[in-house]
């Protein structure tokens, strides 16, 4: 007795972006290492802070805000990274039961809807950035934390979020087009 496996999607390489992500997905995948290193740097800063604080009674004023910033940008970039690798959360109860043609149609529709959502979030982020990066007179000045150290991290992460959402919008458009074309 033989089984027909024509409806089963072939396994894909889990080591990088999906082919439908195109050139942008490959670039996003390569840049991901920068943010992974940022997480390691944040860990090293926290270890240093613990040693300075509890062994030498000499805490820093910059460690907490820097580790929060490094972790924050890594998590923001993580959404874009997951988009390029198709490793986002999906309700598979229905999706996995579909045949290849319906799955492809779902991929196109899902990419369009996600792209529209990302575009709306980019616009909302722009409104946030316009308040966090510009003075009422229109001069560029990033929002600061207000702490003793007072870095520009709050304004910088808002600008970064807007840029990542804009790139995510483009990535979803590339995915929609490539899914519609059936490109792998």
C-alpha atoms as a PDB file:
ATOM      1  CA  UNK A   1       0.000   0.000   0.000  1.00  0.00           C
ATOM      2  CA  UNK A   2       1.484   3.351  -1.046  1.00  0.00           C
ATOM      3  CA  UNK A   3       0.572   6.762   0.281  1.00  0.00           C
ATOM      4  CA  UNK A   4       0.136   9.844  -1.850  1.00  0.00           C
ATOM      5  CA  UNK A   5       2.214  12.720  -0.410  1.00  0.00           C
ATOM      6  CA  UNK A   6       1.487  15.316  -3.096  1.00  0.00           C
ATOM      7  CA  UNK A   7      -0.295  17.644  -0.621  1.00  0.00           C
ATOM      8  CA  UNK A   8       2.623  17.781   1.781  1.00  0.00           C
ATOM      9  CA  UNK A   9       4.795  20.871   1.545  1.00  0.00           C
ATOM     10  CA  UNK A  10       8.453  19.907   1.238  1.00  0.00           C
ATOM     11  CA  UNK A  11      10.554  20.704   4.299  1.00  0.00           C
ATOM     12  CA  UNK A  12      12.550  23.879   4.059  1.00  0.00           C
ATOM     13  CA  UNK A  13      15.940  24.813   5.386  1.00  0.00           C
ATOM     14  CA  UNK A  14      15.484  26.308   8.851  1.00  0.00           C
ATOM     15  CA  UNK A  15      18.884  27.980   8.694  1.00  0.00           C
ATOM     16  CA  UNK A  16      17.911  31.240   7.033  1.00  0.00           C
ATOM     17  CA  UNK A  17      15.235  33.343   5.438  1.00  0.00           C
ATOM     18  CA  UNK A  18      12.568  31.750   3.279  1.00  0.00           C
ATOM     19  CA  UNK A  19      13.180  32.054  -0.469  1.00  0.00           C
ATOM     20  CA  UNK A  20      10.040  34.194  -0.900  1.00  0.00           C
ATOM     21  CA  UNK A  21      11.617  36.871   1.324  1.00  0.00           C
ATOM     22  CA  UNK A  22      13.965  37.727  -1.532  1.00  0.00           C
ATOM     23  CA  UNK A  23      16.990  39.989  -1.321  1.00  0.00           C
ATOM     24  CA  UNK A  24      15.540  41.960   1.598  1.00  0.00           C
ATOM     25  CA  UNK A  25      15.043  38.800   3.656  1.00  0.00           C
ATOM     26  CA  UNK A  26      18.628  37.765   3.029  1.00  0.00           C
ATOM     27  CA  UNK A  27      19.859  41.220   4.133  1.00  0.00           C
ATOM     28  CA  UNK A  28      17.687  41.133   7.265  1.00  0.00           C
ATOM     29  CA  UNK A  29      19.021  37.688   8.103  1.00  0.00           C
ATOM     30  CA  UNK A  30      22.636  38.855   7.774  1.00  0.00           C
ATOM     31  CA  UNK A  31      22.066  41.955   9.934  1.00  0.00           C
ATOM     32  CA  UNK A  32      20.496  39.823  12.690  1.00  0.00           C
ATOM     33  CA  UNK A  33      23.918  38.942  14.065  1.00  0.00           C
ATOM     34  CA  UNK A  34      24.423  42.586  15.103  1.00  0.00           C
ATOM     35  CA  UNK A  35      21.422  42.413  17.413  1.00  0.00           C
ATOM     36  CA  UNK A  36      22.427  38.999  18.742  1.00  0.00           C
ATOM     37  CA  UNK A  37      25.801  40.493  19.667  1.00  0.00           C
ATOM     38  CA  UNK A  38      23.912  43.390  21.287  1.00  0.00           C
ATOM     39  CA  UNK A  39      22.192  40.925  23.625  1.00  0.00           C
ATOM     40  CA  UNK A  40      25.584  39.468  24.580  1.00  0.00           C
ATOM     41  CA  UNK A  41      26.944  42.977  25.205  1.00  0.00           C
ATOM     42  CA  UNK A  42      23.911  43.742  27.395  1.00  0.00           C
ATOM     43  CA  UNK A  43      24.624  40.594  29.413  1.00  0.00           C
ATOM     44  CA  UNK A  44      28.281  41.586  29.846  1.00  0.00           C
ATOM     45  CA  UNK A  45      27.271  45.081  30.957  1.00  0.00           C
ATOM     46  CA  UNK A  46      24.920  43.596  33.562  1.00  0.00           C
ATOM     47  CA  UNK A  47      27.647  41.275  34.859  1.00  0.00           C
ATOM     48  CA  UNK A  48      29.991  44.246  35.112  1.00  0.00           C
ATOM     49  CA  UNK A  49      27.328  46.255  36.925  1.00  0.00           C
ATOM     50  CA  UNK A  50      26.739  43.478  39.476  1.00  0.00           C
ATOM     51  CA  UNK A  51      30.469  43.215  40.158  1.00  0.00           C
ATOM     52  CA  UNK A  52      30.919  46.991  40.445  1.00  0.00           C
ATOM     53  CA  UNK A  53      27.840  47.441  42.625  1.00  0.00           C
ATOM     54  CA  UNK A  54      28.122  44.505  45.007  1.00  0.00           C
ATOM     55  CA  UNK A  55      31.874  43.918  45.208  1.00  0.00           C
ATOM     56  CA  UNK A  56      33.244  47.456  44.901  1.00  0.00           C
ATOM     57  CA  UNK A  57      30.215  49.563  45.900  1.00  0.00           C
ATOM     58  CA  UNK A  58      30.748  51.630  42.698  1.00  0.00           C
ATOM     59  CA  UNK A  59      27.625  51.295  40.535  1.00  0.00           C
ATOM     60  CA  UNK A  60      27.416  53.034  37.181  1.00  0.00           C
ATOM     61  CA  UNK A  61      24.722  55.449  36.063  1.00  0.00           C
ATOM     62  CA  UNK A  62      24.539  54.086  32.520  1.00  0.00           C
ATOM     63  CA  UNK A  63      24.312  50.291  32.755  1.00  0.00           C
ATOM     64  CA  UNK A  64      20.571  49.888  33.299  1.00  0.00           C
ATOM     65  CA  UNK A  65      19.475  52.238  30.510  1.00  0.00           C
ATOM     66  CA  UNK A  66      22.018  50.810  28.092  1.00  0.00           C
ATOM     67  CA  UNK A  67      20.970  47.201  28.663  1.00  0.00           C
ATOM     68  CA  UNK A  68      17.294  48.120  28.342  1.00  0.00           C
ATOM     69  CA  UNK A  69      18.070  49.923  25.068  1.00  0.00           C
ATOM     70  CA  UNK A  70      20.169  47.073  23.641  1.00  0.00           C
ATOM     71  CA  UNK A  71      17.541  44.507  24.580  1.00  0.00           C
ATOM     72  CA  UNK A  72      14.738  46.708  23.243  1.00  0.00           C
ATOM     73  CA  UNK A  73      16.264  47.190  19.799  1.00  0.00           C
ATOM     74  CA  UNK A  74      17.002  43.466  19.607  1.00  0.00           C
ATOM     75  CA  UNK A  75      13.374  42.603  20.333  1.00  0.00           C
ATOM     76  CA  UNK A  76      12.088  45.212  17.867  1.00  0.00           C
ATOM     77  CA  UNK A  77      14.376  43.831  15.167  1.00  0.00           C
ATOM     78  CA  UNK A  78      13.265  40.317  16.138  1.00  0.00           C
ATOM     79  CA  UNK A  79       9.838  40.913  14.589  1.00  0.00           C
ATOM     80  CA  UNK A  80      11.393  41.796  11.252  1.00  0.00           C
ATOM     81  CA  UNK A  81      13.799  38.859  11.529  1.00  0.00           C
ATOM     82  CA  UNK A  82      10.906  36.448  12.155  1.00  0.00           C
ATOM     83  CA  UNK A  83       9.041  37.869   9.156  1.00  0.00           C
ATOM     84  CA  UNK A  84      11.969  37.163   6.838  1.00  0.00           C
ATOM     85  CA  UNK A  85      12.316  33.614   8.214  1.00  0.00           C
ATOM     86  CA  UNK A  86       8.569  32.877   8.313  1.00  0.00           C
ATOM     87  CA  UNK A  87       8.934  31.924  11.965  1.00  0.00           C
ATOM     88  CA  UNK A  88       6.151  34.091  13.331  1.00  0.00           C
ATOM     89  CA  UNK A  89       3.218  32.672  15.259  1.00  0.00           C
ATOM     90  CA  UNK A  90       0.532  31.168  13.039  1.00  0.00           C
ATOM     91  CA  UNK A  91      -2.717  29.360  13.790  1.00  0.00           C
ATOM     92  CA  UNK A  92      -1.883  26.062  12.147  1.00  0.00           C
ATOM     93  CA  UNK A  93      -5.127  24.278  12.933  1.00  0.00           C
ATOM     94  CA  UNK A  94      -6.565  25.401   9.587  1.00  0.00           C
ATOM     95  CA  UNK A  95      -3.395  26.310   7.680  1.00  0.00           C
ATOM     96  CA  UNK A  96      -1.794  22.865   7.969  1.00  0.00           C
ATOM     97  CA  UNK A  97      -4.936  21.184   6.622  1.00  0.00           C
ATOM     98  CA  UNK A  98      -4.866  23.174   3.370  1.00  0.00           C
ATOM     99  CA  UNK A  99      -3.549  21.923   0.067  1.00  0.00           C
ATOM    100  CA  UNK A 100      -0.630  23.674  -1.646  1.00  0.00           C
ATOM    101  CA  UNK A 101      -2.789  26.018  -3.787  1.00  0.00           C
ATOM    102  CA  UNK A 102      -4.980  27.145  -0.899  1.00  0.00           C
ATOM    103  CA  UNK A 103      -1.943  27.496   1.348  1.00  0.00           C
ATOM    104  CA  UNK A 104      -0.322  29.725  -1.275  1.00  0.00           C
ATOM    105  CA  UNK A 105      -3.514  31.825  -1.491  1.00  0.00           C
ATOM    106  CA  UNK A 106      -3.556  32.119   2.299  1.00  0.00           C
ATOM    107  CA  UNK A 107       0.116  33.163   2.253  1.00  0.00           C
ATOM    108  CA  UNK A 108      -0.681  35.951  -0.235  1.00  0.00           C
ATOM    109  CA  UNK A 109      -3.664  37.214   1.765  1.00  0.00           C
ATOM    110  CA  UNK A 110      -1.838  36.949   5.091  1.00  0.00           C
ATOM    111  CA  UNK A 111       1.127  38.877   3.657  1.00  0.00           C
ATOM    112  CA  UNK A 112      -1.137  41.629   2.299  1.00  0.00           C
ATOM    113  CA  UNK A 113      -3.052  41.985   5.570  1.00  0.00           C
ATOM    114  CA  UNK A 114       0.176  41.979   7.606  1.00  0.00           C
ATOM    115  CA  UNK A 115       1.734  44.493   5.215  1.00  0.00           C
ATOM    116  CA  UNK A 116      -1.239  46.830   5.603  1.00  0.00           C
ATOM    117  CA  UNK A 117      -1.060  46.475   9.383  1.00  0.00           C
ATOM    118  CA  UNK A 118       2.691  47.164   9.332  1.00  0.00           C
ATOM    119  CA  UNK A 119       2.085  50.246   7.161  1.00  0.00           C
ATOM    120  CA  UNK A 120      -0.493  51.570   9.630  1.00  0.00           C
ATOM    121  CA  UNK A 121       1.865  50.920  12.533  1.00  0.00           C
ATOM    122  CA  UNK A 122       4.626  52.729  10.603  1.00  0.00           C
ATOM    123  CA  UNK A 123       2.343  55.745  10.285  1.00  0.00           C
ATOM    124  CA  UNK A 124       1.523  55.610  14.004  1.00  0.00           C
ATOM    125  CA  UNK A 125       5.242  55.322  14.768  1.00  0.00           C
ATOM    126  CA  UNK A 126       5.896  58.383  12.589  1.00  0.00           C
ATOM    127  CA  UNK A 127       3.455  60.377  14.728  1.00  0.00           C
ATOM    128  CA  UNK A 128       5.334  59.192  17.820  1.00  0.00           C
ATOM    129  CA  UNK A 129       8.714  60.006  16.226  1.00  0.00           C
ATOM    130  CA  UNK A 130       7.602  63.479  15.174  1.00  0.00           C
ATOM    131  CA  UNK A 131       7.062  64.260  18.869  1.00  0.00           C
ATOM    132  CA  UNK A 132      10.165  62.416  20.110  1.00  0.00           C
ATOM    133  CA  UNK A 133      12.662  63.663  17.529  1.00  0.00           C
ATOM    134  CA  UNK A 134      11.650  67.234  16.710  1.00  0.00           C
ATOM    135  CA  UNK A 135      11.142  70.355  18.793  1.00  0.00           C
ATOM    136  CA  UNK A 136       7.975  72.433  18.316  1.00  0.00           C
ATOM    137  CA  UNK A 137      10.108  74.774  16.170  1.00  0.00           C
ATOM    138  CA  UNK A 138      11.024  71.846  13.884  1.00  0.00           C
ATOM    139  CA  UNK A 139      14.635  71.377  14.996  1.00  0.00           C
ATOM    140  CA  UNK A 140      15.931  67.818  15.290  1.00  0.00           C
ATOM    141  CA  UNK A 141      16.459  66.842  18.931  1.00  0.00           C
ATOM    142  CA  UNK A 142      15.900  63.312  20.193  1.00  0.00           C
ATOM    143  CA  UNK A 143      13.892  62.744  23.326  1.00  0.00           C
ATOM    144  CA  UNK A 144      16.072  61.993  26.337  1.00  0.00           C
ATOM    145  CA  UNK A 145      15.488  59.734  29.341  1.00  0.00           C
ATOM    146  CA  UNK A 146      15.560  62.415  32.035  1.00  0.00           C
ATOM    147  CA  UNK A 147      17.829  60.344  34.282  1.00  0.00           C
ATOM    148  CA  UNK A 148      21.138  61.444  35.782  1.00  0.00           C
ATOM    149  CA  UNK A 149      22.906  60.140  32.659  1.00  0.00           C
ATOM    150  CA  UNK A 150      20.125  61.364  30.304  1.00  0.00           C
ATOM    151  CA  UNK A 151      20.855  59.447  27.066  1.00  0.00           C
ATOM    152  CA  UNK A 152      18.830  59.807  23.864  1.00  0.00           C
ATOM    153  CA  UNK A 153      17.730  56.172  24.029  1.00  0.00           C
ATOM    154  CA  UNK A 154      13.957  56.845  24.222  1.00  0.00           C
ATOM    155  CA  UNK A 155      14.010  58.927  21.039  1.00  0.00           C
ATOM    156  CA  UNK A 156      16.437  56.586  19.285  1.00  0.00           C
ATOM    157  CA  UNK A 157      14.354  53.483  19.934  1.00  0.00           C
ATOM    158  CA  UNK A 158      11.231  55.236  18.625  1.00  0.00           C
ATOM    159  CA  UNK A 159      13.044  56.147  15.401  1.00  0.00           C
ATOM    160  CA  UNK A 160      14.372  52.579  15.154  1.00  0.00           C
ATOM    161  CA  UNK A 161      10.877  51.144  15.660  1.00  0.00           C
ATOM    162  CA  UNK A 162       9.511  53.323  12.850  1.00  0.00           C
ATOM    163  CA  UNK A 163      12.312  52.276  10.480  1.00  0.00           C
ATOM    164  CA  UNK A 164      11.872  48.573  11.275  1.00  0.00           C
ATOM    165  CA  UNK A 165       8.110  48.807  10.736  1.00  0.00           C
ATOM    166  CA  UNK A 166       8.703  50.525   7.380  1.00  0.00           C
ATOM    167  CA  UNK A 167      11.103  47.789   6.316  1.00  0.00           C
ATOM    168  CA  UNK A 168       8.624  45.182   7.542  1.00  0.00           C
ATOM    169  CA  UNK A 169       5.966  46.748   5.306  1.00  0.00           C
ATOM    170  CA  UNK A 170       8.276  46.353   2.312  1.00  0.00           C
ATOM    171  CA  UNK A 171       9.160  42.785   3.354  1.00  0.00           C
ATOM    172  CA  UNK A 172       5.476  41.815   3.472  1.00  0.00           C
ATOM    173  CA  UNK A 173       4.968  43.337   0.013  1.00  0.00           C
ATOM    174  CA  UNK A 174       7.876  41.270  -1.342  1.00  0.00           C
ATOM    175  CA  UNK A 175       6.429  38.164   0.313  1.00  0.00           C
ATOM    176  CA  UNK A 176       2.956  38.789  -1.150  1.00  0.00           C
ATOM    177  CA  UNK A 177       4.332  39.259  -4.670  1.00  0.00           C
ATOM    178  CA  UNK A 178       6.595  36.208  -4.461  1.00  0.00           C
ATOM    179  CA  UNK A 179       3.868  34.018  -2.990  1.00  0.00           C
ATOM    180  CA  UNK A 180       1.485  35.142  -5.751  1.00  0.00           C
ATOM    181  CA  UNK A 181       4.085  34.309  -8.393  1.00  0.00           C
ATOM    182  CA  UNK A 182       4.740  30.962  -6.781  1.00  0.00           C
ATOM    183  CA  UNK A 183       8.427  31.875  -6.524  1.00  0.00           C
ATOM    184  CA  UNK A 184      10.599  29.780  -4.249  1.00  0.00           C
END
